[in-house]
Amino acid sequence: GMFEEGSPYYISPETAGYPKPDTAKAKDLAAEYERKHGKKLSFTALVPPDPQYLAIAQSLKSQLEDAGIEANLQAIEQTQLIRTVIATGDFQAAGFVLRGSPSPDQSYVFIATKANPNGLSLNFSRLDDPEVVSGMDAFRAASTPDARVQAIATVQKRLAADVPMVFLVNARTGFVASNSLRGLKGTTFPGTQATAQAPYPTTPFYTVMWKAPVGG
């Protein structure tokens, strides 16, 4: 789901209503598709050329093959992947990030804005579900923590009903601040040539952090 167990907004997969894995049923449905269309059930998934992403994708590819489904992995540079998923929508499946912290409202633009099925859309799955939109609006309008929890639970149940996206991992991010730290600009992670993005105050997309000295 959208949240890990430590989040106040977490609900279990069973409570959300996610279907349980059923390889036998998946095999039957894949065989039915092949009989009807005369070809194997297959799709292409866009994956960033990062070893961690590729390892996850290879694991999922193996599980799908056990069910008679062919997954073709296409490694694609991150900026091109974003451009394809958001700008054109010309894809069958892709790895992407949905923000749930520090507030689920970070995900509003990705699941509750009006979807454009044939062009630029920050709603990258092109999900068009009025109940998801009303749930996210209710979360924004809620005046108590309990009301926010209830509103976002509704959203999670709708996502579980249609499964427009599959949540695979929870990414944890750390934030470090110091009143004496100014004008930080980093282009690579320390000790590597990996490109980094220096943090700035308004972004949820932090990719690097530094630990200040004790007393700094």
Protein backbone atom coordinates (compact mmCIF):
# COMPACT_ATOMS: atom_id res chain seq x y z
CA GLY A 1 0.00 0.00 0.00
CA MET A 2 0.87 3.67 0.12
CA PHE A 3 2.28 3.55 3.66
CA GLU A 4 4.52 1.38 5.76
CA GLU A 5 3.33 0.04 9.11
CA GLY A 6 4.82 2.87 11.16
CA SER A 7 2.65 5.46 9.44
CA PRO A 8 -0.53 6.72 11.16
CA TYR A 9 -2.25 6.24 7.80
CA TYR A 10 -1.29 2.59 7.38
CA ILE A 11 -3.99 -0.03 6.91
CA SER A 12 -3.27 -3.67 6.20
CA PRO A 13 -3.58 -5.10 2.67
CA GLU A 14 -6.51 -7.18 3.93
CA THR A 15 -8.31 -4.11 5.29
CA ALA A 16 -7.66 -2.22 2.06
CA GLY A 17 -8.98 -5.14 0.05
CA TYR A 18 -5.97 -5.99 -2.09
CA PRO A 19 -6.38 -9.34 -3.86
CA LYS A 20 -4.20 -12.13 -2.54
CA PRO A 21 -1.64 -13.75 -4.87
CA ASP A 22 -3.20 -16.65 -6.79
CA THR A 23 -0.74 -18.15 -9.28
CA ALA A 24 -3.14 -20.91 -10.36
CA LYS A 25 -5.87 -18.41 -11.25
CA ALA A 26 -3.32 -16.20 -13.02
CA LYS A 27 -2.22 -19.19 -15.13
CA ASP A 28 -5.84 -19.92 -16.06
CA LEU A 29 -6.49 -16.32 -17.08
CA ALA A 30 -3.24 -16.12 -19.07
CA ALA A 31 -4.14 -19.36 -20.88
CA GLU A 32 -7.64 -18.02 -21.58
CA TYR A 33 -6.13 -14.87 -23.09
CA GLU A 34 -3.81 -16.93 -25.30
CA ARG A 35 -6.68 -19.08 -26.55
CA LYS A 36 -8.79 -16.01 -27.33
CA HIS A 37 -6.09 -13.90 -29.00
CA GLY A 38 -3.73 -16.52 -30.39
CA LYS A 39 -0.70 -15.12 -28.59
CA LYS A 40 0.79 -15.01 -25.11
CA LEU A 41 -0.27 -12.36 -22.66
CA SER A 42 2.66 -9.95 -22.67
CA PHE A 43 3.56 -6.34 -21.94
CA THR A 44 6.58 -4.04 -21.84
CA ALA A 45 7.68 -2.37 -18.60
CA LEU A 46 9.93 0.70 -18.54
CA VAL A 47 12.63 0.44 -15.85
CA PRO A 48 15.38 2.92 -14.88
CA PRO A 49 18.88 1.51 -15.60
CA ASP A 50 19.70 1.35 -11.89
CA PRO A 51 20.82 -2.01 -10.46
CA GLN A 52 18.26 -1.90 -7.62
CA TYR A 53 15.36 -1.13 -9.97
CA LEU A 54 16.51 -3.79 -12.42
CA ALA A 55 16.80 -6.40 -9.65
CA ILE A 56 13.22 -5.71 -8.53
CA ALA A 57 12.01 -5.83 -12.13
CA GLN A 58 13.80 -9.12 -12.82
CA SER A 59 12.23 -10.67 -9.73
CA LEU A 60 8.74 -9.60 -10.84
CA LYS A 61 9.43 -10.81 -14.39
CA SER A 62 10.28 -14.26 -13.01
CA GLN A 63 7.07 -14.38 -10.95
CA LEU A 64 4.98 -13.37 -13.95
CA GLU A 65 6.62 -15.99 -16.14
CA ASP A 66 5.63 -18.63 -13.57
CA ALA A 67 2.05 -17.53 -14.22
CA GLY A 68 2.41 -17.71 -18.00
CA ILE A 69 2.72 -13.94 -18.52
CA GLU A 70 5.56 -12.46 -20.55
CA ALA A 71 7.10 -9.25 -19.21
CA ASN A 72 9.57 -7.45 -21.47
CA LEU A 73 11.87 -5.11 -19.54
CA GLN A 74 13.08 -1.95 -21.26
CA ALA A 75 15.84 -0.10 -19.40
CA ILE A 76 15.37 3.61 -19.99
CA GLU A 77 17.22 6.64 -18.63
CA GLN A 78 15.34 8.33 -15.78
CA THR A 79 14.60 11.65 -17.50
CA GLN A 80 13.37 9.87 -20.62
CA LEU A 81 11.20 7.58 -18.47
CA ILE A 82 9.61 10.60 -16.75
CA ARG A 83 9.07 12.29 -20.10
CA THR A 84 7.42 9.18 -21.55
CA VAL A 85 5.20 8.48 -18.54
CA ILE A 86 4.13 12.06 -17.81
CA ALA A 87 4.36 13.85 -21.15
CA THR A 88 2.99 11.25 -23.57
CA GLY A 89 1.39 8.40 -21.63
CA ASP A 90 2.73 6.05 -24.32
CA PHE A 91 3.63 3.13 -22.06
CA GLN A 92 2.16 -0.13 -20.76
CA ALA A 93 3.87 -0.30 -17.37
CA ALA A 94 6.60 1.67 -15.61
CA GLY A 95 8.31 2.02 -12.26
CA PHE A 96 7.47 5.29 -10.54
CA VAL A 97 7.26 6.97 -7.12
CA LEU A 98 4.11 7.99 -5.24
CA ARG A 99 4.72 10.37 -2.33
CA GLY A 100 3.11 9.54 1.00
CA SER A 101 5.34 11.56 3.35
CA PRO A 102 5.41 13.88 5.18
CA SER A 103 1.73 14.07 4.17
CA PRO A 104 -0.37 11.96 1.77
CA ASP A 105 -1.35 15.27 0.21
CA GLN A 106 2.01 15.09 -1.59
CA SER A 107 0.36 12.42 -3.77
CA TYR A 108 -2.64 14.55 -4.73
CA VAL A 109 -1.16 15.68 -8.02
CA PHE A 110 -0.30 12.08 -8.96
CA ILE A 111 -3.69 10.44 -8.37
CA ALA A 112 -6.39 13.09 -7.95
CA THR A 113 -5.74 15.68 -10.66
CA LYS A 114 -7.65 15.49 -13.92
CA ALA A 115 -6.03 12.84 -16.11
CA ASN A 116 -5.13 13.47 -19.74
CA PRO A 117 -5.17 10.04 -21.42
CA ASN A 118 -3.34 11.16 -24.55
CA GLY A 119 -0.81 13.73 -23.41
CA LEU A 120 0.82 15.61 -20.56
CA SER A 121 -0.53 14.38 -17.22
CA LEU A 122 1.05 14.47 -13.77
CA ASN A 123 -1.60 11.87 -12.95
CA PHE A 124 0.81 9.37 -14.47
CA SER A 125 -1.40 6.26 -14.35
CA ARG A 126 -4.23 8.31 -15.96
CA LEU A 127 -6.47 7.18 -13.09
CA ASP A 128 -9.98 8.65 -13.33
CA ASP A 129 -11.79 7.74 -10.10
CA PRO A 130 -14.18 10.29 -8.52
CA GLU A 131 -14.01 8.44 -5.19
CA VAL A 132 -10.23 8.83 -5.05
CA VAL A 133 -10.59 12.55 -5.80
CA SER A 134 -13.31 13.03 -3.17
CA GLY A 135 -11.23 11.08 -0.63
CA MET A 136 -8.17 13.24 -1.26
CA ASP A 137 -10.32 16.39 -1.07
CA ALA A 138 -11.79 15.16 2.21
CA PHE A 139 -8.26 14.60 3.54
CA ARG A 140 -7.36 18.19 2.67
CA ALA A 141 -10.50 19.56 4.32
CA ALA A 142 -10.36 17.39 7.47
CA SER A 143 -9.87 19.27 10.72
CA THR A 144 -8.94 16.34 12.97
CA PRO A 145 -6.37 13.53 12.75
CA ASP A 146 -9.11 10.86 12.90
CA ALA A 147 -10.94 12.45 9.98
CA ARG A 148 -7.73 12.51 7.93
CA VAL A 149 -7.07 8.84 8.71
CA GLN A 150 -10.59 7.91 7.63
CA ALA A 151 -10.37 9.94 4.41
CA ILE A 152 -7.06 8.45 3.29
CA ALA A 153 -8.31 4.94 4.17
CA THR A 154 -11.07 5.48 1.62
CA VAL A 155 -8.47 6.38 -1.00
CA GLN A 156 -6.43 3.26 -0.22
CA LYS A 157 -9.49 1.03 -0.57
CA ARG A 158 -10.30 2.52 -3.97
CA LEU A 159 -6.72 1.94 -5.14
CA ALA A 160 -6.97 -1.65 -3.95
CA ALA A 161 -10.27 -2.16 -5.79
CA ASP A 162 -8.95 -1.17 -9.23
CA VAL A 163 -5.19 -1.74 -8.71
CA PRO A 164 -4.05 0.97 -11.16
CA MET A 165 -0.65 0.75 -9.48
CA VAL A 166 1.22 -1.89 -7.48
CA PHE A 167 3.16 -0.74 -4.42
CA LEU A 168 6.43 -2.66 -4.17
CA VAL A 169 8.76 -0.94 -1.70
CA ASN A 170 8.75 1.87 0.85
CA ALA A 171 11.51 4.45 0.38
CA ARG A 172 12.71 6.20 3.54
CA THR A 173 14.14 9.71 3.42
CA GLY A 174 16.03 11.64 6.08
CA PHE A 175 15.98 15.40 6.62
CA VAL A 176 18.82 17.24 8.35
CA ALA A 177 18.90 20.99 9.00
CA SER A 178 21.22 23.46 10.66
CA ASN A 179 20.80 27.21 11.16
CA SER A 180 24.45 27.69 10.25
CA LEU A 181 24.20 25.83 6.91
CA ARG A 182 23.71 28.01 3.82
CA GLY A 183 24.10 27.83 0.04
CA LEU A 184 24.70 24.07 -0.14
CA LYS A 185 25.22 22.91 -3.72
CA GLY A 186 26.14 19.30 -4.42
CA THR A 187 26.38 17.74 -7.85
CA THR A 188 27.46 14.24 -6.85
CA PHE A 189 27.07 12.03 -3.82
CA PRO A 190 30.17 12.21 -1.56
CA GLY A 191 32.89 9.86 -2.77
CA THR A 192 31.05 8.88 -5.95
CA GLN A 193 30.27 10.14 -9.44
CA ALA A 194 26.53 9.53 -8.95
CA THR A 195 24.52 12.65 -9.72
CA ALA A 196 22.87 14.24 -6.68
CA GLN A 197 20.36 17.02 -6.21
CA ALA A 198 21.10 19.61 -3.57
CA PRO A 199 18.09 20.07 -1.28
CA TYR A 200 15.96 23.17 -1.31
CA PRO A 201 13.18 24.11 1.14
CA THR A 202 10.03 23.40 -0.88
CA THR A 203 10.73 20.09 -2.60
CA PRO A 204 9.50 16.64 -1.47
CA PHE A 205 12.08 15.08 -3.79
CA TYR A 206 15.17 15.06 -1.58
CA THR A 207 17.85 12.75 -2.93
CA VAL A 208 20.83 13.53 -0.70
CA MET A 209 21.57 14.63 2.83
CA TRP A 210 24.59 15.53 4.89
CA LYS A 211 25.08 15.00 8.63
CA ALA A 212 26.19 18.17 10.37
CA PRO A 213 29.02 17.93 12.94
CA VAL A 214 27.96 17.74 16.58
CA GLY A 215 27.27 21.29 17.73
CA GLY A 216 27.29 22.54 14.12
